Every structure is written in structure tokens, then in C-alpha cells.
Amino acid sequence: MSGRTPTLTIAVAQPSVVPHDVVGNAKRHAALVRRSRARVVVFPELSLTGYEFDAAPLEPPDPRLGPLVEACRDVGAVALAGAPVIGPGGGGRSIGVLAIDGTGAVVAYRKMWLGEAEAAHFVAGVEPVVRRVDGWRLGLAVCKDTGVPAHAAATMALGVDVYVAGVLESEVDRDEQPRRVQRIVGDHGVWVAIASFAGAAGEGFDRAAGESGIWRPDGSVIARAGAQVADVAVATITPPPEDG
């Protein structure tokens, strides 16, 4: 694709999260951005508030995100962090992805496929989104989206180099996300980057799976975090040979 840099360094991060503590969580996110030194840093679902159904929406610009904006500016990073946001058309709340860089934050995406318990508290997003970083096209997803083939297909139709998601899986369901990744790469042959909660996340998720990862278009793992809080996995990715 014209204008795309030859490589992209991407990280998937597992921050320590305190429920509703946006100030402290933003600082912990910032520390992982600085540690990873990556161009794109992906965080789990609702990472800035914890997986809390009653969390108030974040409305950029929000001064509490200042430390994270500063870290992105210093590193030259784009952080994709999870947060509740105002719903489409200004109604209700959605499970969102904030794109944060050295200039501030914007709402980049709203989760389209909600879990059964989530649907009582959140409004679904209405359209797939591709976000460009250095010419690379990042297709955005949140958790259950990744298990719905129609979501990947609609996102890929926009043109995607990397399918990127923030997720939450319990420790006992740790094998679910790799299974979903293998379907996505099998169907679409793209890079996949998944940031998965570790530790306690909220709403009964006392032991989240962790094991965030980055997968090549052939389905092999290029980088994988452990199950511990504050783990980060980083990889430098390149376009597939037939695309370059």
C-alpha cells in the first residue's frame, strides 16, 4: 500500500488496573508505553476503568489521560486503550477504544457485538473501523467481536493489514482467544494483535487469562506475553511478501 512504512513495531500490554481509577490506570498504561517503546501499543477491553459495567464514560479530551498522552508524545506512540464512551449518536454508553497519541485522545471504535450481560448496560457500535498508523491499516475489535466471523469480514472489506483487539477472557477460557485467532488468519491471512487482561478485571473476572499475543498471517506466534499483570509482548511486523 502506498505510503506505508516498511515495518511497524506493535506491543500488546497487560496493565495493572484498579476499578474506576482512571488517573492511576492512565499512569500505569503510560509506564507500559514507555517500557515497550513501540509505535502502537494495544491494551485490553475497558482497560482504563476496569471491566466495570457502571463505569462513567470517558469523553476526550479528559485531563486524567494526561500522563498517557505525555508518554505517547515522548515515545512517538499511538495507544489503543479500552474505555466506556458515549454511544453512537450521543446516546447511552458503549464499550470503546480510545486512540491516544501525543496530541490527545479520540474515540476510535465502539464494540459491535456485546456479551449478554453487557447488553443490559451498553449500546452496540454500528460500524467497523480501520485506523491508519504510518500507512498501516489497523482493523479494530473488542473481545466478542473477534468471535463473530461477520465482524472480521466486514472489517477486512475496508482493507486491513493488522486485526487488533482488546479482550477479556477468564483463566479457564485461556484457549478461546488463540482459537479465534486461527480462524481469523485462516479466513483472511492478516497479522493479528490481541491484548488480553491479566489479573483481576471486574464483574466477577477475578483471574483473567493474560497471554496477550501477536500472530503472523500464517497463524504462527511472533510474540507472546505471560499470564502476569504488567507483561508486555512486542514485535516488529512487515507486510506479507506478496503485498510488498
Protein backbone atom coordinates (compact mmCIF):
# COMPACT_ATOMS: atom_id res chain seq x y z
CA MET A 1 0.00 0.00 0.00
CA SER A 2 1.36 3.41 -0.97
CA GLY A 3 2.67 5.44 1.96
CA ARG A 4 3.06 2.51 4.34
CA THR A 5 6.28 2.31 6.31
CA PRO A 6 8.23 -0.92 5.67
CA THR A 7 7.84 -2.10 9.27
CA LEU A 8 5.61 -1.40 12.27
CA THR A 9 6.52 -2.09 15.89
CA ILE A 10 3.47 -3.13 17.86
CA ALA A 11 3.03 -4.09 21.52
CA VAL A 12 0.24 -5.83 23.41
CA ALA A 13 0.17 -4.86 27.07
CA GLN A 14 -1.45 -6.18 30.26
CA PRO A 15 -1.71 -3.26 32.71
CA SER A 16 -2.47 -3.50 36.37
CA VAL A 17 -5.96 -2.00 36.67
CA VAL A 18 -7.79 -0.58 39.70
CA PRO A 19 -11.58 -0.31 39.29
CA HIS A 20 -12.73 3.21 38.32
CA ASP A 21 -9.25 4.67 38.97
CA VAL A 22 -8.76 6.41 35.62
CA VAL A 23 -5.96 8.61 36.99
CA GLY A 24 -3.91 5.71 38.33
CA ASN A 25 -4.74 3.42 35.42
CA ALA A 26 -3.62 6.06 32.91
CA LYS A 27 -0.28 6.29 34.73
CA ARG A 28 0.12 2.51 34.66
CA HIS A 29 -0.73 2.48 30.96
CA ALA A 30 1.84 5.23 30.41
CA ALA A 31 4.53 3.18 32.13
CA LEU A 32 3.92 0.27 29.75
CA VAL A 33 4.01 2.58 26.74
CA ARG A 34 7.41 3.84 27.85
CA ARG A 35 8.62 0.32 28.53
CA SER A 36 7.53 -1.09 25.21
CA ARG A 37 8.95 1.74 23.04
CA ALA A 38 6.52 0.58 20.34
CA ARG A 39 4.79 2.68 17.69
CA VAL A 40 1.41 1.08 18.52
CA VAL A 41 0.52 -0.20 21.99
CA VAL A 42 -2.70 -2.19 22.37
CA PHE A 43 -4.49 -2.53 25.73
CA PRO A 44 -7.37 -4.81 26.86
CA GLU A 45 -11.11 -4.21 26.85
CA LEU A 46 -12.16 -1.39 29.25
CA SER A 47 -8.58 -1.18 30.47
CA LEU A 48 -8.76 2.43 31.67
CA THR A 49 -11.66 1.81 34.09
CA GLY A 50 -11.56 -1.92 34.64
CA TYR A 51 -14.34 -4.20 33.39
CA GLU A 52 -16.98 -2.35 35.40
CA PHE A 53 -20.48 -2.06 33.98
CA ASP A 54 -21.22 1.12 35.95
CA ALA A 55 -18.07 3.00 34.91
CA ALA A 56 -18.72 6.52 33.70
CA PRO A 57 -17.87 7.23 30.06
CA LEU A 58 -14.61 8.94 29.19
CA GLU A 59 -15.12 11.96 26.98
CA PRO A 60 -11.97 13.20 25.25
CA PRO A 61 -10.34 15.47 25.98
CA ASP A 62 -10.10 14.17 29.55
CA PRO A 63 -7.29 15.64 31.68
CA ARG A 64 -6.95 12.36 33.58
CA LEU A 65 -5.39 10.88 30.45
CA GLY A 66 -2.57 13.44 30.59
CA PRO A 67 0.18 11.03 31.69
CA LEU A 68 -0.71 8.64 28.88
CA VAL A 69 -0.77 11.43 26.30
CA GLU A 70 2.63 12.59 27.56
CA ALA A 71 4.10 9.09 27.34
CA CYS A 72 2.81 8.68 23.79
CA ARG A 73 4.34 12.02 22.86
CA ASP A 74 7.71 11.12 24.38
CA VAL A 75 7.83 7.68 22.75
CA GLY A 76 6.10 8.59 19.49
CA ALA A 77 3.41 6.01 20.20
CA VAL A 78 -0.26 5.50 19.48
CA ALA A 79 -2.05 3.76 22.37
CA LEU A 80 -5.29 1.89 21.72
CA ALA A 81 -6.89 1.72 25.16
CA GLY A 82 -10.24 0.37 26.32
CA ALA A 83 -12.83 2.65 27.93
CA PRO A 84 -16.56 3.23 28.23
CA VAL A 85 -17.52 6.01 25.81
CA ILE A 86 -20.65 7.87 24.76
CA GLY A 87 -22.70 5.69 22.42
CA PRO A 88 -23.25 6.25 18.71
CA GLY A 89 -25.26 9.38 18.03
CA GLY A 90 -24.66 10.59 21.59
CA GLY A 91 -26.96 8.10 23.31
CA GLY A 92 -26.08 5.74 26.16
CA ARG A 93 -22.64 4.24 26.71
CA SER A 94 -20.60 1.96 24.51
CA ILE A 95 -17.55 -0.23 25.12
CA GLY A 96 -14.99 1.75 23.19
CA VAL A 97 -11.43 2.03 22.02
CA LEU A 98 -9.64 5.32 22.53
CA ALA A 99 -6.78 6.17 20.17
CA ILE A 100 -4.30 8.22 22.17
CA ASP A 101 -1.18 9.94 20.86
CA GLY A 102 0.94 12.93 21.78
CA THR A 103 -1.80 15.35 20.77
CA GLY A 104 -4.64 13.83 22.80
CA ALA A 105 -7.35 11.19 22.59
CA VAL A 106 -10.26 10.40 20.28
CA VAL A 107 -12.93 7.72 20.28
CA ALA A 108 -11.72 5.35 17.57
CA TYR A 109 -14.21 2.46 17.77
CA ARG A 110 -17.28 1.13 19.60
CA LYS A 111 -17.73 -2.61 20.22
CA MET A 112 -20.32 -4.00 17.82
CA TRP A 113 -21.04 -7.42 19.33
CA LEU A 114 -21.91 -7.25 23.03
CA GLY A 115 -21.94 -10.11 25.50
CA GLU A 116 -25.30 -11.00 27.03
CA ALA A 117 -24.55 -9.29 30.35
CA GLU A 118 -23.06 -6.24 28.60
CA ALA A 119 -26.18 -5.63 26.52
CA ALA A 120 -28.11 -4.52 29.62
CA HIS A 121 -25.62 -1.73 30.25
CA PHE A 122 -24.09 -0.70 26.92
CA VAL A 123 -25.15 0.25 23.42
CA ALA A 124 -23.55 -1.57 20.49
CA GLY A 125 -21.42 0.21 17.94
CA VAL A 126 -22.81 0.39 14.43
CA GLU A 127 -19.86 0.11 12.05
CA PRO A 128 -16.43 -1.48 11.64
CA VAL A 129 -13.41 0.81 11.76
CA VAL A 130 -9.93 0.85 10.26
CA ARG A 131 -7.40 3.21 11.80
CA ARG A 132 -4.24 4.15 9.93
CA VAL A 133 -0.83 4.47 11.58
CA ASP A 134 2.12 5.21 9.29
CA GLY A 135 0.05 3.94 6.39
CA TRP A 136 -0.67 0.60 8.10
CA ARG A 137 -4.36 -0.20 8.28
CA LEU A 138 -5.43 -1.44 11.71
CA GLY A 139 -8.84 -3.10 11.89
CA LEU A 140 -10.24 -2.53 15.40
CA ALA A 141 -12.17 -5.04 17.51
CA VAL A 142 -13.15 -5.66 21.14
CA CYS A 143 -13.45 -9.13 22.69
CA LYS A 144 -16.66 -10.80 21.42
CA ASP A 145 -16.20 -9.08 18.06
CA THR A 146 -13.28 -11.44 17.45
CA GLY A 147 -15.56 -14.48 17.77
CA VAL A 148 -18.02 -13.27 15.14
CA PRO A 149 -16.87 -14.08 11.59
CA ALA A 150 -19.12 -11.34 10.20
CA HIS A 151 -17.18 -8.74 12.16
CA ALA A 152 -13.83 -9.77 10.75
CA ALA A 153 -15.30 -9.99 7.25
CA ALA A 154 -16.86 -6.52 7.42
CA THR A 155 -13.65 -5.06 8.83
CA MET A 156 -11.44 -6.76 6.24
CA ALA A 157 -13.67 -5.38 3.48
CA LEU A 158 -12.35 -1.93 4.44
CA GLY A 159 -8.76 -3.05 3.78
CA VAL A 160 -6.75 -4.32 6.77
CA ASP A 161 -3.09 -5.11 7.44
CA VAL A 162 -3.44 -5.93 11.15
CA TYR A 163 -6.55 -7.04 13.04
CA VAL A 164 -6.20 -5.50 16.51
CA ALA A 165 -8.31 -6.27 19.59
CA GLY A 166 -8.51 -5.66 23.31
CA VAL A 167 -10.13 -8.60 25.10
CA LEU A 168 -11.03 -10.14 28.43
CA GLU A 169 -11.09 -13.90 28.93
CA SER A 170 -11.13 -15.78 32.21
CA GLU A 171 -8.18 -18.00 33.05
CA VAL A 172 -10.27 -21.15 32.46
CA ASP A 173 -11.09 -19.91 28.94
CA ARG A 174 -7.48 -19.08 28.03
CA ASP A 175 -7.61 -21.25 24.88
CA GLU A 176 -10.59 -19.40 23.38
CA GLN A 177 -8.69 -16.43 22.00
CA PRO A 178 -6.00 -18.46 20.18
CA ARG A 179 -8.79 -20.48 18.56
CA ARG A 180 -10.40 -17.30 17.34
CA VAL A 181 -7.08 -16.03 16.03
CA GLN A 182 -6.56 -19.18 13.98
CA ARG A 183 -9.95 -18.71 12.35
CA ILE A 184 -9.21 -15.06 11.55
CA VAL A 185 -5.81 -15.76 9.99
CA GLY A 186 -7.20 -18.79 8.18
CA ASP A 187 -10.02 -16.74 6.68
CA HIS A 188 -8.14 -13.52 5.98
CA GLY A 189 -4.35 -14.02 6.15
CA VAL A 190 -3.55 -10.89 8.15
CA TRP A 191 -1.43 -10.06 11.18
CA VAL A 192 -3.38 -10.27 14.45
CA ALA A 193 -2.55 -8.46 17.72
CA ILE A 194 -4.58 -9.27 20.86
CA ALA A 195 -4.17 -7.50 24.22
CA SER A 196 -5.76 -9.61 26.96
CA PHE A 197 -6.49 -8.68 30.57
CA ALA A 198 -4.36 -10.30 33.27
CA GLY A 199 -5.13 -10.46 36.98
CA ALA A 200 -8.45 -9.19 38.34
CA ALA A 201 -10.59 -7.28 35.85
CA GLY A 202 -14.00 -6.73 37.48
CA GLU A 203 -17.58 -8.09 37.22
CA GLY A 204 -16.52 -11.48 38.57
CA PHE A 205 -13.41 -11.88 36.43
CA ASP A 206 -11.02 -12.43 39.33
CA ARG A 207 -8.41 -14.34 37.31
CA ALA A 208 -8.13 -13.19 33.73
CA ALA A 209 -6.16 -15.16 31.18
CA GLY A 210 -3.42 -12.76 30.11
CA GLU A 211 -1.22 -14.32 27.42
CA SER A 212 -1.59 -11.42 25.01
CA GLY A 213 -0.02 -12.15 21.64
CA ILE A 214 0.90 -11.15 18.13
CA TRP A 215 0.38 -13.68 15.31
CA ARG A 216 1.79 -13.78 11.80
CA PRO A 217 -0.57 -14.10 8.80
CA ASP A 218 0.26 -17.83 8.67
CA GLY A 219 -1.02 -18.29 12.24
CA SER A 220 2.34 -18.70 13.97
CA VAL A 221 3.13 -16.68 17.09
CA ILE A 222 5.79 -13.99 16.82
CA ALA A 223 5.44 -12.62 20.38
CA ARG A 224 3.53 -13.75 23.45
CA ALA A 225 3.12 -12.35 26.97
CA GLY A 226 2.74 -14.49 30.05
CA ALA A 227 -0.22 -14.61 32.41
CA GLN A 228 1.13 -11.94 34.75
CA VAL A 229 -0.02 -8.36 35.23
CA ALA A 230 2.32 -5.80 33.61
CA ASP A 231 3.60 -8.26 30.98
CA VAL A 232 4.16 -6.81 27.51
CA ALA A 233 4.89 -8.54 24.21
CA VAL A 234 6.47 -6.57 21.36
CA ALA A 235 7.09 -7.43 17.72
CA THR A 236 8.21 -5.64 14.57
CA ILE A 237 5.99 -6.71 11.71
CA THR A 238 6.40 -6.48 7.94
CA PRO A 239 3.96 -6.75 5.02
CA PRO A 240 3.48 -10.22 3.54
CA PRO A 241 5.85 -10.80 0.57
CA GLU A 242 3.02 -10.88 -1.96
CA ASP A 243 1.87 -7.46 -0.70
CA GLY A 244 5.24 -5.74 -0.80
